[in-house]
């Protein structure tokens, strides 16, 4: 088997980890991180929603990698939100 075919298959498998709830969790996490710096606003409820979506991705649809990335992004977004609210 050619290495390029193996790489293409691995990439498709990795991209499939970021669909559905995991993709939404990652998107919400990125929004939680970017929006306070760009628009000087914080959304205190978005990190919570993102964590719920990430948990759904991990436990329901078995998208472990995307769910863990979603958890990390939303925890960072939550810390930025707390700093923005109380800091």
Protein backbone atom coordinates (compact mmCIF):
# COMPACT_ATOMS: atom_id res chain seq x y z
CA UNK A 1 0.00 0.00 0.00
CA UNK A 2 1.29 3.44 -0.87
CA UNK A 3 2.11 5.84 1.98
CA UNK A 4 -0.06 8.56 0.43
CA UNK A 5 -3.12 6.32 0.61
CA UNK A 6 -2.40 5.55 4.23
CA UNK A 7 -2.00 9.25 5.03
CA UNK A 8 -5.25 10.11 3.28
CA UNK A 9 -7.10 7.45 5.25
CA UNK A 10 -5.63 8.68 8.52
CA UNK A 11 -6.60 12.26 7.75
CA UNK A 12 -10.17 11.27 6.95
CA UNK A 13 -10.36 9.37 10.22
CA UNK A 14 -9.08 12.36 12.18
CA UNK A 15 -11.45 14.80 10.48
CA UNK A 16 -14.38 12.54 11.33
CA UNK A 17 -13.59 13.14 15.02
CA UNK A 18 -14.63 16.78 14.61
CA UNK A 19 -18.17 16.32 13.30
CA UNK A 20 -21.46 16.64 15.14
CA UNK A 21 -21.29 17.51 18.83
CA UNK A 22 -17.49 17.53 18.86
CA UNK A 23 -17.35 20.04 16.02
CA UNK A 24 -19.86 22.29 17.74
CA UNK A 25 -17.95 22.02 21.04
CA UNK A 26 -14.72 23.06 19.30
CA UNK A 27 -16.46 25.92 17.51
CA UNK A 28 -18.01 27.20 20.74
CA UNK A 29 -14.62 26.92 22.47
CA UNK A 30 -12.90 28.94 19.75
CA UNK A 31 -15.64 31.58 19.97
CA UNK A 32 -15.17 31.74 23.76
CA UNK A 33 -11.46 32.36 23.30
CA UNK A 34 -11.54 34.79 20.35
CA UNK A 35 -14.58 37.01 21.05
CA UNK A 36 -13.30 38.62 24.31
CA UNK A 37 -10.15 39.78 22.56
CA UNK A 38 -11.76 40.95 19.31
CA UNK A 39 -15.08 42.44 20.46
CA UNK A 40 -14.38 43.10 24.17
CA UNK A 41 -17.39 40.97 25.20
CA UNK A 42 -17.68 37.78 27.23
CA UNK A 43 -20.39 35.14 26.98
CA UNK A 44 -20.56 33.49 30.40
CA UNK A 45 -22.89 30.70 29.25
CA UNK A 46 -20.97 29.53 26.16
CA UNK A 47 -18.19 27.60 27.97
CA UNK A 48 -20.86 25.65 29.87
CA UNK A 49 -22.72 24.81 26.66
CA UNK A 50 -19.43 23.83 25.03
CA UNK A 51 -18.55 21.49 27.89
CA UNK A 52 -21.97 19.83 27.62
CA UNK A 53 -21.49 19.37 23.86
CA UNK A 54 -18.00 17.96 24.41
CA UNK A 55 -19.33 15.49 26.99
CA UNK A 56 -22.02 14.41 24.54
CA UNK A 57 -19.36 13.88 21.87
CA UNK A 58 -17.26 11.73 24.18
CA UNK A 59 -20.00 9.62 25.74
CA UNK A 60 -22.71 9.37 23.09
CA UNK A 61 -21.03 9.44 19.70
CA UNK A 62 -17.58 8.11 20.69
CA UNK A 63 -15.66 11.04 19.22
CA UNK A 64 -12.97 10.99 21.88
CA UNK A 65 -10.35 13.20 20.21
CA UNK A 66 -12.81 15.91 19.17
CA UNK A 67 -14.48 15.81 22.57
CA UNK A 68 -11.20 16.22 24.44
CA UNK A 69 -10.18 19.12 22.20
CA UNK A 70 -13.61 20.65 22.86
CA UNK A 71 -13.16 20.26 26.62
CA UNK A 72 -9.73 21.91 26.54
CA UNK A 73 -10.92 24.82 24.37
CA UNK A 74 -13.96 25.42 26.56
CA UNK A 75 -11.95 25.28 29.80
CA UNK A 76 -9.57 27.89 28.37
CA UNK A 77 -12.59 29.92 27.23
CA UNK A 78 -14.12 29.59 30.70
CA UNK A 79 -10.94 30.84 32.35
CA UNK A 80 -10.83 33.81 29.97
CA UNK A 81 -14.52 34.49 30.73
CA UNK A 82 -13.91 34.39 34.49
CA UNK A 83 -10.95 36.74 34.12
CA UNK A 84 -13.11 39.05 32.01
CA UNK A 85 -15.95 39.03 34.54
CA UNK A 86 -14.01 39.23 37.80
CA UNK A 87 -10.49 40.32 36.82
